[in-house]
Amino acid sequence: MNIDNTASQMRKGVLEFCILSVIKLGEAYPSDIIDKMKAANLNILEGTLYPLLTRLKNADFLTYRWVESNSGPPRKYFSLTDKGAEFYKELESTWLELANAVEEITGKKN
């Protein structure tokens, strides 16, 4: 067992919640999601993000629209569906419960 593998698994567990959190703020282009995640020190690669976006879209949690770009191909902007907003609320509740439990066990608050 090594710390890099464990840290990677912990991050993977919260990626969907973080992606939905960014999109919840308003329509998001994938590079905007990546930038927000990097700014929070939660680095994510396109090769990780796109499959997650596809999975969330296929579950009807996300929708998208194409927007013409002046500097290249059209851009796909993602937004939450009503079902996605409900799923987000459930994830948020689960996250808060988990964070509180970890804080109680470790005696540390962030």
PDB file of N, CA and C in Angstrom:
ATOM      1  N   MET A   1       0.859  -1.177   0.000  1.00  0.00           N
ATOM      2  CA  MET A   1       0.000   0.000   0.000  1.00  0.00           C
ATOM      3  C   MET A   1       0.901   1.234   0.000  1.00  0.00           C
ATOM      4  N   ASN A   2       0.556   2.230  -0.839  1.00  0.00           N
ATOM      5  CA  ASN A   2       1.333   3.464  -0.798  1.00  0.00           C
ATOM      6  C   ASN A   2       0.408   4.669  -0.821  1.00  0.00           C
ATOM      7  N   ILE A   3       0.932   5.793  -0.340  1.00  0.00           N
ATOM      8  CA  ILE A   3       0.109   6.986  -0.144  1.00  0.00           C
ATOM      9  C   ILE A   3      -0.447   7.530  -1.455  1.00  0.00           C
ATOM     10  N   ASP A   4       0.326   7.439  -2.537  1.00  0.00           N
ATOM     11  CA  ASP A   4      -0.157   7.964  -3.816  1.00  0.00           C
ATOM     12  C   ASP A   4      -1.410   7.232  -4.283  1.00  0.00           C
ATOM     13  N   ASN A   5      -1.411   5.912  -4.157  1.00  0.00           N
ATOM     14  CA  ASN A   5      -2.591   5.135  -4.566  1.00  0.00           C
ATOM     15  C   ASN A   5      -3.794   5.456  -3.690  1.00  0.00           C
ATOM     16  N   THR A   6      -3.561   5.546  -2.395  1.00  0.00           N
ATOM     17  CA  THR A   6      -4.653   5.846  -1.469  1.00  0.00           C
ATOM     18  C   THR A   6      -5.207   7.242  -1.719  1.00  0.00           C
ATOM     19  N   ALA A   7      -4.325   8.218  -1.895  1.00  0.00           N
ATOM     20  CA  ALA A   7      -4.763   9.595  -2.168  1.00  0.00           C
ATOM     21  C   ALA A   7      -5.547   9.660  -3.476  1.00  0.00           C
ATOM     22  N   SER A   8      -5.088   8.926  -4.479  1.00  0.00           N
ATOM     23  CA  SER A   8      -5.782   8.893  -5.770  1.00  0.00           C
ATOM     24  C   SER A   8      -7.187   8.323  -5.620  1.00  0.00           C
ATOM     25  N   GLN A   9      -7.324   7.266  -4.855  1.00  0.00           N
ATOM     26  CA  GLN A   9      -8.642   6.662  -4.634  1.00  0.00           C
ATOM     27  C   GLN A   9      -9.569   7.614  -3.880  1.00  0.00           C
ATOM     28  N   MET A  10      -9.026   8.333  -2.913  1.00  0.00           N
ATOM     29  CA  MET A  10      -9.842   9.295  -2.165  1.00  0.00           C
ATOM     30  C   MET A  10     -10.339  10.400  -3.097  1.00  0.00           C
ATOM     31  N   ARG A  11      -9.464  10.887  -3.978  1.00  0.00           N
ATOM     32  CA  ARG A  11      -9.858  11.940  -4.920  1.00  0.00           C
ATOM     33  C   ARG A  11     -10.926  11.445  -5.885  1.00  0.00           C
ATOM     34  N   LYS A  12     -10.745  10.230  -6.393  1.00  0.00           N
ATOM     35  CA  LYS A  12     -11.728   9.674  -7.333  1.00  0.00           C
ATOM     36  C   LYS A  12     -13.109   9.622  -6.703  1.00  0.00           C
ATOM     37  N   GLY A  13     -13.141   9.379  -5.414  1.00  0.00           N
ATOM     38  CA  GLY A  13     -14.420   9.274  -4.718  1.00  0.00           C
ATOM     39  C   GLY A  13     -15.205  10.568  -4.647  1.00  0.00           C
ATOM     40  N   VAL A  14     -14.524  11.692  -4.809  1.00  0.00           N
ATOM     41  CA  VAL A  14     -15.225  12.976  -4.715  1.00  0.00           C
ATOM     42  C   VAL A  14     -15.310  13.723  -6.046  1.00  0.00           C
ATOM     43  N   LEU A  15     -14.748  13.170  -7.105  1.00  0.00           N
ATOM     44  CA  LEU A  15     -14.724  13.882  -8.383  1.00  0.00           C
ATOM     45  C   LEU A  15     -16.113  14.211  -8.913  1.00  0.00           C
ATOM     46  N   GLU A  16     -17.021  13.244  -8.916  1.00  0.00           N
ATOM     47  CA  GLU A  16     -18.369  13.510  -9.435  1.00  0.00           C
ATOM     48  C   GLU A  16     -19.034  14.640  -8.660  1.00  0.00           C
ATOM     49  N   PHE A  17     -18.902  14.609  -7.354  1.00  0.00           N
ATOM     50  CA  PHE A  17     -19.496  15.659  -6.526  1.00  0.00           C
ATOM     51  C   PHE A  17     -18.890  17.019  -6.870  1.00  0.00           C
ATOM     52  N   CYS A  18     -17.570  17.071  -7.022  1.00  0.00           N
ATOM     53  CA  CYS A  18     -16.907  18.336  -7.348  1.00  0.00           C
ATOM     54  C   CYS A  18     -17.292  18.826  -8.740  1.00  0.00           C
ATOM     55  N   ILE A  19     -17.370  17.934  -9.704  1.00  0.00           N
ATOM     56  CA  ILE A  19     -17.777  18.310 -11.064  1.00  0.00           C
ATOM     57  C   ILE A  19     -19.188  18.874 -11.043  1.00  0.00           C
ATOM     58  N   LEU A  20     -20.088  18.188 -10.378  1.00  0.00           N
ATOM     59  CA  LEU A  20     -21.469  18.671 -10.285  1.00  0.00           C
ATOM     60  C   LEU A  20     -21.536  19.999  -9.532  1.00  0.00           C
ATOM     61  N   SER A  21     -20.664  20.181  -8.544  1.00  0.00           N
ATOM     62  CA  SER A  21     -20.636  21.443  -7.796  1.00  0.00           C
ATOM     63  C   SER A  21     -20.267  22.610  -8.705  1.00  0.00           C
ATOM     64  N   VAL A  22     -19.314  22.394  -9.597  1.00  0.00           N
ATOM     65  CA  VAL A  22     -18.919  23.444 -10.542  1.00  0.00           C
ATOM     66  C   VAL A  22     -20.065  23.734 -11.505  1.00  0.00           C
ATOM     67  N   ILE A  23     -20.664  22.693 -12.052  1.00  0.00           N
ATOM     68  CA  ILE A  23     -21.740  22.869 -13.034  1.00  0.00           C
ATOM     69  C   ILE A  23     -22.978  23.475 -12.383  1.00  0.00           C
ATOM     70  N   LYS A  24     -23.185  23.185 -11.114  1.00  0.00           N
ATOM     71  CA  LYS A  24     -24.335  23.737 -10.386  1.00  0.00           C
ATOM     72  C   LYS A  24     -24.304  25.267 -10.371  1.00  0.00           C
ATOM     73  N   LEU A  25     -23.119  25.841 -10.432  1.00  0.00           N
ATOM     74  CA  LEU A  25     -22.966  27.299 -10.419  1.00  0.00           C
ATOM     75  C   LEU A  25     -23.409  27.947 -11.729  1.00  0.00           C
ATOM     76  N   GLY A  26     -23.548  27.151 -12.770  1.00  0.00           N
ATOM     77  CA  GLY A  26     -23.964  27.656 -14.076  1.00  0.00           C
ATOM     78  C   GLY A  26     -23.335  26.817 -15.173  1.00  0.00           C
ATOM     79  N   GLU A  27     -23.802  27.023 -16.388  1.00  0.00           N
ATOM     80  CA  GLU A  27     -23.269  26.259 -17.511  1.00  0.00           C
ATOM     81  C   GLU A  27     -21.747  26.254 -17.484  1.00  0.00           C
ATOM     82  N   ALA A  28     -21.177  25.102 -17.808  1.00  0.00           N
ATOM     83  CA  ALA A  28     -19.722  24.994 -17.736  1.00  0.00           C
ATOM     84  C   ALA A  28     -19.167  24.266 -18.948  1.00  0.00           C
ATOM     85  N   TYR A  29     -18.104  24.822 -19.480  1.00  0.00           N
ATOM     86  CA  TYR A  29     -17.327  24.204 -20.545  1.00  0.00           C
ATOM     87  C   TYR A  29     -16.269  23.335 -19.859  1.00  0.00           C
ATOM     88  N   PRO A  30     -15.955  22.162 -20.404  1.00  0.00           N
ATOM     89  CA  PRO A  30     -15.017  21.270 -19.716  1.00  0.00           C
ATOM     90  C   PRO A  30     -13.706  21.922 -19.269  1.00  0.00           C
ATOM     91  N   SER A  31     -13.125  22.789 -20.089  1.00  0.00           N
ATOM     92  CA  SER A  31     -11.865  23.408 -19.648  1.00  0.00           C
ATOM     93  C   SER A  31     -12.090  24.330 -18.449  1.00  0.00           C
ATOM     94  N   ASP A  32     -13.286  24.912 -18.336  1.00  0.00           N
ATOM     95  CA  ASP A  32     -13.610  25.722 -17.154  1.00  0.00           C
ATOM     96  C   ASP A  32     -13.672  24.845 -15.904  1.00  0.00           C
ATOM     97  N   ILE A  33     -14.226  23.653 -16.061  1.00  0.00           N
ATOM     98  CA  ILE A  33     -14.297  22.707 -14.939  1.00  0.00           C
ATOM     99  C   ILE A  33     -12.883  22.335 -14.498  1.00  0.00           C
ATOM    100  N   ILE A  34     -12.036  22.015 -15.473  1.00  0.00           N
ATOM    101  CA  ILE A  34     -10.651  21.654 -15.172  1.00  0.00           C
ATOM    102  C   ILE A  34      -9.949  22.800 -14.453  1.00  0.00           C
ATOM    103  N   ASP A  35     -10.143  24.029 -14.936  1.00  0.00           N
ATOM    104  CA  ASP A  35      -9.504  25.193 -14.311  1.00  0.00           C
ATOM    105  C   ASP A  35      -9.962  25.385 -12.868  1.00  0.00           C
ATOM    106  N   LYS A  36     -11.258  25.241 -12.615  1.00  0.00           N
ATOM    107  CA  LYS A  36     -11.769  25.405 -11.242  1.00  0.00           C
ATOM    108  C   LYS A  36     -11.224  24.315 -10.328  1.00  0.00           C
ATOM    109  N   MET A  37     -11.138  23.109 -10.855  1.00  0.00           N
ATOM    110  CA  MET A  37     -10.609  22.006 -10.052  1.00  0.00           C
ATOM    111  C   MET A  37      -9.127  22.246  -9.736  1.00  0.00           C
ATOM    112  N   LYS A  38      -8.362  22.682 -10.743  1.00  0.00           N
ATOM    113  CA  LYS A  38      -6.938  22.966 -10.520  1.00  0.00           C
ATOM    114  C   LYS A  38      -6.762  24.084  -9.500  1.00  0.00           C
ATOM    115  N   ALA A  39      -7.606  25.111  -9.586  1.00  0.00           N
ATOM    116  CA  ALA A  39      -7.520  26.228  -8.640  1.00  0.00           C
ATOM    117  C   ALA A  39      -7.740  25.752  -7.209  1.00  0.00           C
ATOM    118  N   ALA A  40      -8.495  24.677  -7.051  1.00  0.00           N
ATOM    119  CA  ALA A  40      -8.760  24.104  -5.727  1.00  0.00           C
ATOM    120  C   ALA A  40      -7.751  23.005  -5.384  1.00  0.00           C
ATOM    121  N   ASN A  41      -6.703  22.881  -6.213  1.00  0.00           N
ATOM    122  CA  ASN A  41      -5.663  21.869  -6.026  1.00  0.00           C
ATOM    123  C   ASN A  41      -6.199  20.445  -6.163  1.00  0.00           C
ATOM    124  N   LEU A  42      -7.203  20.282  -6.991  1.00  0.00           N
ATOM    125  CA  LEU A  42      -7.756  18.965  -7.295  1.00  0.00           C
ATOM    126  C   LEU A  42      -7.597  18.764  -8.802  1.00  0.00           C
ATOM    127  N   ASN A  43      -6.394  18.377  -9.191  1.00  0.00           N
ATOM    128  CA  ASN A  43      -6.075  18.261 -10.610  1.00  0.00           C
ATOM    129  C   ASN A  43      -6.821  17.105 -11.251  1.00  0.00           C
ATOM    130  N   ILE A  44      -7.359  17.387 -12.425  1.00  0.00           N
ATOM    131  CA  ILE A  44      -8.096  16.385 -13.184  1.00  0.00           C
ATOM    132  C   ILE A  44      -7.708  16.540 -14.646  1.00  0.00           C
ATOM    133  N   LEU A  45      -7.491  15.438 -15.310  1.00  0.00           N
ATOM    134  CA  LEU A  45      -7.121  15.446 -16.720  1.00  0.00           C
ATOM    135  C   LEU A  45      -8.364  15.306 -17.588  1.00  0.00           C
ATOM    136  N   GLU A  46      -8.259  15.781 -18.830  1.00  0.00           N
ATOM    137  CA  GLU A  46      -9.379  15.640 -19.763  1.00  0.00           C
ATOM    138  C   GLU A  46      -9.785  14.178 -19.905  1.00  0.00           C
ATOM    139  N   GLY A  47      -8.791  13.290 -19.914  1.00  0.00           N
ATOM    140  CA  GLY A  47      -9.064  11.862 -20.058  1.00  0.00           C
ATOM    141  C   GLY A  47      -9.838  11.276 -18.895  1.00  0.00           C
ATOM    142  N   THR A  48      -9.853  11.968 -17.779  1.00  0.00           N
ATOM    143  CA  THR A  48     -10.660  11.573 -16.625  1.00  0.00           C
ATOM    144  C   THR A  48     -12.002  12.287 -16.646  1.00  0.00           C
ATOM    145  N   LEU A  49     -11.987  13.572 -17.001  1.00  0.00           N
ATOM    146  CA  LEU A  49     -13.202  14.384 -16.963  1.00  0.00           C
ATOM    147  C   LEU A  49     -14.245  13.936 -17.980  1.00  0.00           C
ATOM    148  N   TYR A  50     -13.838  13.753 -19.228  1.00  0.00           N
ATOM    149  CA  TYR A  50     -14.820  13.469 -20.273  1.00  0.00           C
ATOM    150  C   TYR A  50     -15.620  12.188 -20.035  1.00  0.00           C
ATOM    151  N   PRO A  51     -14.985  11.089 -19.618  1.00  0.00           N
ATOM    152  CA  PRO A  51     -15.797   9.900 -19.306  1.00  0.00           C
ATOM    153  C   PRO A  51     -16.784  10.138 -18.159  1.00  0.00           C
ATOM    154  N   LEU A  52     -16.377  10.934 -17.163  1.00  0.00           N
ATOM    155  CA  LEU A  52     -17.293  11.240 -16.059  1.00  0.00           C
ATOM    156  C   LEU A  52     -18.459  12.093 -16.545  1.00  0.00           C
ATOM    157  N   LEU A  53     -18.187  13.078 -17.394  1.00  0.00           N
ATOM    158  CA  LEU A  53     -19.265  13.900 -17.957  1.00  0.00           C
ATOM    159  C   LEU A  53     -20.225  13.037 -18.774  1.00  0.00           C
ATOM    160  N   THR A  54     -19.671  12.121 -19.550  1.00  0.00           N
ATOM    161  CA  THR A  54     -20.512  11.224 -20.356  1.00  0.00           C
ATOM    162  C   THR A  54     -21.369  10.346 -19.463  1.00  0.00           C
ATOM    163  N   ARG A  55     -20.775   9.804 -18.409  1.00  0.00           N
ATOM    164  CA  ARG A  55     -21.540   8.949 -17.491  1.00  0.00           C
ATOM    165  C   ARG A  55     -22.656   9.739 -16.810  1.00  0.00           C
ATOM    166  N   LEU A  56     -22.360  10.965 -16.382  1.00  0.00           N
ATOM    167  CA  LEU A  56     -23.372  11.808 -15.744  1.00  0.00           C
ATOM    168  C   LEU A  56     -24.465  12.200 -16.732  1.00  0.00           C
ATOM    169  N   LYS A  57     -24.090  12.452 -17.975  1.00  0.00           N
ATOM    170  CA  LYS A  57     -25.077  12.776 -19.007  1.00  0.00           C
ATOM    171  C   LYS A  57     -25.957  11.564 -19.303  1.00  0.00           C
ATOM    172  N   ASN A  58     -25.345  10.397 -19.428  1.00  0.00           N
ATOM    173  CA  ASN A  58     -26.111   9.180 -19.718  1.00  0.00           C
ATOM    174  C   ASN A  58     -27.064   8.809 -18.587  1.00  0.00           C
ATOM    175  N   ALA A  59     -26.763   9.265 -17.375  1.00  0.00           N
ATOM    176  CA  ALA A  59     -27.647   9.036 -16.225  1.00  0.00           C
ATOM    177  C   ALA A  59     -28.719  10.119 -16.130  1.00  0.00           C
ATOM    178  N   ASP A  60     -28.750  11.015 -17.119  1.00  0.00           N
ATOM    179  CA  ASP A  60     -29.706  12.136 -17.167  1.00  0.00           C
ATOM    180  C   ASP A  60     -29.498  13.149 -16.050  1.00  0.00           C
ATOM    181  N   PHE A  61     -28.272  13.247 -15.544  1.00  0.00           N
ATOM    182  CA  PHE A  61     -27.952  14.253 -14.538  1.00  0.00           C
ATOM    183  C   PHE A  61     -27.469  15.548 -15.187  1.00  0.00           C
ATOM    184  N   LEU A  62     -26.983  15.438 -16.417  1.00  0.00           N
ATOM    185  CA  LEU A  62     -26.482  16.598 -17.155  1.00  0.00           C
ATOM    186  C   LEU A  62     -27.135  16.683 -18.521  1.00  0.00           C
ATOM    187  N   THR A  63     -27.191  17.895 -19.021  1.00  0.00           N
ATOM    188  CA  THR A  63     -27.551  18.139 -20.406  1.00  0.00           C
ATOM    189  C   THR A  63     -26.490  19.085 -20.952  1.00  0.00           C
ATOM    190  N   TYR A  64     -26.505  19.293 -22.248  1.00  0.00           N
ATOM    191  CA  TYR A  64     -25.522  20.208 -22.821  1.00  0.00           C
ATOM    192  C   TYR A  64     -26.115  20.921 -24.015  1.00  0.00           C
ATOM    193  N   ARG A  65     -25.450  21.989 -24.386  1.00  0.00           N
ATOM    194  CA  ARG A  65     -25.815  22.685 -25.613  1.00  0.00           C
ATOM    195  C   ARG A  65     -24.529  23.082 -26.313  1.00  0.00           C
ATOM    196  N   TRP A  66     -24.612  23.117 -27.631  1.00  0.00           N
ATOM    197  CA  TRP A  66     -23.471  23.504 -28.441  1.00  0.00           C
ATOM    198  C   TRP A  66     -23.479  25.015 -28.631  1.00  0.00           C
ATOM    199  N   VAL A  67     -22.314  25.629 -28.519  1.00  0.00           N
ATOM    200  CA  VAL A  67     -22.166  27.066 -28.726  1.00  0.00           C
ATOM    201  C   VAL A  67     -21.065  27.273 -29.764  1.00  0.00           C
ATOM    202  N   GLU A  68     -21.379  28.032 -30.800  1.00  0.00           N
ATOM    203  CA  GLU A  68     -20.382  28.323 -31.828  1.00  0.00           C
ATOM    204  C   GLU A  68     -19.214  29.077 -31.204  1.00  0.00           C
ATOM    205  N   SER A  69     -18.026  28.785 -31.698  1.00  0.00           N
ATOM    206  CA  SER A  69     -16.817  29.435 -31.210  1.00  0.00           C
ATOM    207  C   SER A  69     -16.169  30.225 -32.340  1.00  0.00           C
ATOM    208  N   ASN A  70     -15.645  31.389 -32.013  1.00  0.00           N
ATOM    209  CA  ASN A  70     -14.946  32.205 -33.007  1.00  0.00           C
ATOM    210  C   ASN A  70     -13.552  31.672 -33.301  1.00  0.00           C
ATOM    211  N   SER A  71     -13.056  30.816 -32.420  1.00  0.00           N
ATOM    212  CA  SER A  71     -11.671  30.361 -32.549  1.00  0.00           C
ATOM    213  C   SER A  71     -11.537  28.848 -32.668  1.00  0.00           C
ATOM    214  N   GLY A  72     -12.491  28.199 -33.313  1.00  0.00           N
ATOM    215  CA  GLY A  72     -12.380  26.756 -33.465  1.00  0.00           C
ATOM    216  C   GLY A  72     -13.740  26.101 -33.561  1.00  0.00           C
ATOM    217  N   PRO A  73     -13.769  24.812 -33.253  1.00  0.00           N
ATOM    218  CA  PRO A  73     -15.036  24.077 -33.352  1.00  0.00           C
ATOM    219  C   PRO A  73     -16.036  24.527 -32.291  1.00  0.00           C
ATOM    220  N   PRO A  74     -17.306  24.174 -32.470  1.00  0.00           N
ATOM    221  CA  PRO A  74     -18.317  24.525 -31.459  1.00  0.00           C
ATOM    222  C   PRO A  74     -17.937  23.936 -30.097  1.00  0.00           C
ATOM    223  N   ARG A  75     -18.403  24.594 -29.056  1.00  0.00           N
ATOM    224  CA  ARG A  75     -18.113  24.159 -27.686  1.00  0.00           C
ATOM    225  C   ARG A  75     -19.360  23.577 -27.039  1.00  0.00           C
ATOM    226  N   LYS A  76     -19.143  22.550 -26.245  1.00  0.00           N
ATOM    227  CA  LYS A  76     -20.236  21.886 -25.537  1.00  0.00           C
ATOM    228  C   LYS A  76     -20.263  22.401 -24.100  1.00  0.00           C
ATOM    229  N   TYR A  77     -21.366  23.066 -23.732  1.00  0.00           N
ATOM    230  CA  TYR A  77     -21.542  23.587 -22.377  1.00  0.00           C
ATOM    231  C   TYR A  77     -22.530  22.711 -21.624  1.00  0.00           C
ATOM    232  N   PHE A  78     -22.131  22.282 -20.432  1.00  0.00           N
ATOM    233  CA  PHE A  78     -22.940  21.375 -19.623  1.00  0.00           C
ATOM    234  C   PHE A  78     -23.719  22.134 -18.555  1.00  0.00           C
ATOM    235  N   SER A  79     -24.904  21.622 -18.248  1.00  0.00           N
ATOM    236  CA  SER A  79     -25.706  22.153 -17.144  1.00  0.00           C
ATOM    237  C   SER A  79     -26.433  20.991 -16.477  1.00  0.00           C
ATOM    238  N   LEU A  80     -26.872  21.228 -15.237  1.00  0.00           N
ATOM    239  CA  LEU A  80     -27.594  20.198 -14.487  1.00  0.00           C
ATOM    240  C   LEU A  80     -29.034  20.090 -14.974  1.00  0.00           C
ATOM    241  N   THR A  81     -29.532  18.879 -15.026  1.00  0.00           N
ATOM    242  CA  THR A  81     -30.960  18.657 -15.235  1.00  0.00           C
ATOM    243  C   THR A  81     -31.632  18.705 -13.863  1.00  0.00           C
ATOM    244  N   ASP A  82     -32.944  18.654 -13.839  1.00  0.00           N
ATOM    245  CA  ASP A  82     -33.642  18.588 -12.548  1.00  0.00           C
ATOM    246  C   ASP A  82     -33.221  17.337 -11.782  1.00  0.00           C
ATOM    247  N   LYS A  83     -33.095  16.228 -12.509  1.00  0.00           N
ATOM    248  CA  LYS A  83     -32.654  14.977 -11.888  1.00  0.00           C
ATOM    249  C   LYS A  83     -31.224  15.131 -11.352  1.00  0.00           C
ATOM    250  N   GLY A  84     -30.394  15.843 -12.089  1.00  0.00           N
ATOM    251  CA  GLY A  84     -29.022  16.093 -11.658  1.00  0.00           C
ATOM    252  C   GLY A  84     -28.967  16.961 -10.416  1.00  0.00           C
ATOM    253  N   ALA A  85     -29.861  17.944 -10.332  1.00  0.00           N
ATOM    254  CA  ALA A  85     -29.916  18.816  -9.152  1.00  0.00           C
ATOM    255  C   ALA A  85     -30.308  18.009  -7.918  1.00  0.00           C
ATOM    256  N   GLU A  86     -31.243  17.081  -8.086  1.00  0.00           N
ATOM    257  CA  GLU A  86     -31.636  16.210  -6.965  1.00  0.00           C
ATOM    258  C   GLU A  86     -30.488  15.298  -6.557  1.00  0.00           C
ATOM    259  N   PHE A  87     -29.804  14.730  -7.551  1.00  0.00           N
ATOM    260  CA  PHE A  87     -28.656  13.868  -7.280  1.00  0.00           C
ATOM    261  C   PHE A  87     -27.573  14.655  -6.545  1.00  0.00           C
ATOM    262  N   TYR A  88     -27.358  15.904  -6.981  1.00  0.00           N
ATOM    263  CA  TYR A  88     -26.373  16.761  -6.320  1.00  0.00           C
ATOM    264  C   TYR A  88     -26.728  16.956  -4.843  1.00  0.00           C
ATOM    265  N   LYS A  89     -27.986  17.223  -4.559  1.00  0.00           N
ATOM    266  CA  LYS A  89     -28.411  17.417  -3.165  1.00  0.00           C
ATOM    267  C   LYS A  89     -28.122  16.173  -2.331  1.00  0.00           C
ATOM    268  N   GLU A  90     -28.370  14.997  -2.913  1.00  0.00           N
ATOM    269  CA  GLU A  90     -28.096  13.747  -2.200  1.00  0.00           C
ATOM    270  C   GLU A  90     -26.599  13.580  -1.953  1.00  0.00           C
ATOM    271  N   LEU A  91     -25.789  13.881  -2.977  1.00  0.00           N
ATOM    272  CA  LEU A  91     -24.338  13.787  -2.810  1.00  0.00           C
ATOM    273  C   LEU A  91     -23.836  14.780  -1.767  1.00  0.00           C
ATOM    274  N   GLU A  92     -24.397  15.984  -1.787  1.00  0.00           N
ATOM    275  CA  GLU A  92     -23.993  17.005  -0.825  1.00  0.00           C
ATOM    276  C   GLU A  92     -24.290  16.546   0.603  1.00  0.00           C
ATOM    277  N   SER A  93     -25.458  15.973   0.800  1.00  0.00           N
ATOM    278  CA  SER A  93     -25.834  15.464   2.115  1.00  0.00           C
ATOM    279  C   SER A  93     -24.888  14.344   2.549  1.00  0.00           C
ATOM    280  N   THR A  94     -24.593  13.443   1.621  1.00  0.00           N
ATOM    281  CA  THR A  94     -23.677  12.343   1.912  1.00  0.00           C
ATOM    282  C   THR A  94     -22.293  12.878   2.245  1.00  0.00           C
ATOM    283  N   TRP A  95     -21.837  13.871   1.471  1.00  0.00           N
ATOM    284  CA  TRP A  95     -20.525  14.464   1.718  1.00  0.00           C
ATOM    285  C   TRP A  95     -20.459  15.089   3.112  1.00  0.00           C
ATOM    286  N   LEU A  96     -21.477  15.844   3.479  1.00  0.00           N
ATOM    287  CA  LEU A  96     -21.487  16.497   4.791  1.00  0.00           C
ATOM    288  C   LEU A  96     -21.468  15.471   5.919  1.00  0.00           C
ATOM    289  N   GLU A  97     -22.239  14.403   5.758  1.00  0.00           N
ATOM    290  CA  GLU A  97     -22.240  13.341   6.771  1.00  0.00           C
ATOM    291  C   GLU A  97     -20.863  12.698   6.880  1.00  0.00           C
ATOM    292  N   LEU A  98     -20.257  12.418   5.740  1.00  0.00           N
ATOM    293  CA  LEU A  98     -18.938  11.789   5.722  1.00  0.00           C
ATOM    294  C   LEU A  98     -17.875  12.712   6.315  1.00  0.00           C
ATOM    295  N   ALA A  99     -17.891  13.978   5.908  1.00  0.00           N
ATOM    296  CA  ALA A  99     -16.912  14.941   6.429  1.00  0.00           C
ATOM    297  C   ALA A  99     -17.057  15.095   7.942  1.00  0.00           C
ATOM    298  N   ASN A 100     -18.291  15.165   8.420  1.00  0.00           N
ATOM    299  CA  ASN A 100     -18.522  15.277   9.866  1.00  0.00           C
ATOM    300  C   ASN A 100     -18.034  14.040  10.605  1.00  0.00           C
ATOM    301  N   ALA A 101     -18.276  12.870  10.034  1.00  0.00           N
ATOM    302  CA  ALA A 101     -17.834  11.631  10.670  1.00  0.00           C
ATOM    303  C   ALA A 101     -16.311  11.578  10.746  1.00  0.00           C
ATOM    304  N   VAL A 102     -15.639  11.958   9.657  1.00  0.00           N
ATOM    305  CA  VAL A 102     -14.175  11.950   9.648  1.00  0.00           C
ATOM    306  C   VAL A 102     -13.636  12.963  10.655  1.00  0.00           C
ATOM    307  N   GLU A 103     -14.237  14.141  10.711  1.00  0.00           N
ATOM    308  CA  GLU A 103     -13.811  15.150  11.685  1.00  0.00           C
ATOM    309  C   GLU A 103     -13.985  14.648  13.110  1.00  0.00           C
ATOM    310  N   GLU A 104     -15.093  13.963  13.365  1.00  0.00           N
ATOM    311  CA  GLU A 104     -15.339  13.447  14.713  1.00  0.00           C
ATOM    312  C   GLU A 104     -14.322  12.369  15.072  1.00  0.00           C
ATOM    313  N   ILE A 105     -14.040  11.496  14.126  1.00  0.00           N
ATOM    314  CA  ILE A 105     -13.099  10.409  14.391  1.00  0.00           C
ATOM    315  C   ILE A 105     -11.678  10.929  14.562  1.00  0.00           C
ATOM    316  N   THR A 106     -11.264  11.846  13.693  1.00  0.00           N
ATOM    317  CA  THR A 106      -9.883  12.334  13.737  1.00  0.00           C
ATOM    318  C   THR A 106      -9.688  13.479  14.716  1.00  0.00           C
ATOM    319  N   GLY A 107     -10.785  14.113  15.107  1.00  0.00           N
ATOM    320  CA  GLY A 107     -10.688  15.261  15.999  1.00  0.00           C
ATOM    321  C   GLY A 107     -10.147  16.496  15.308  1.00  0.00           C
ATOM    322  N   LYS A 108     -10.158  16.478  13.958  1.00  0.00           N
ATOM    323  CA  LYS A 108      -9.614  17.602  13.192  1.00  0.00           C
ATOM    324  C   LYS A 108     -10.680  18.178  12.281  1.00  0.00           C
ATOM    325  N   LYS A 109     -10.733  19.503  12.263  1.00  0.00           N
ATOM    326  CA  LYS A 109     -11.623  20.201  11.334  1.00  0.00           C
ATOM    327  C   LYS A 109     -10.768  20.952  10.341  1.00  0.00           C
ATOM    328  N   ASN A 110     -11.249  20.990   9.106  1.00  0.00           N
ATOM    329  CA  ASN A 110     -10.514  21.751   8.074  1.00  0.00           C
ATOM    330  C   ASN A 110     -11.107  23.109   7.901  1.00  0.00           C
TER     331      ASN A 110
END
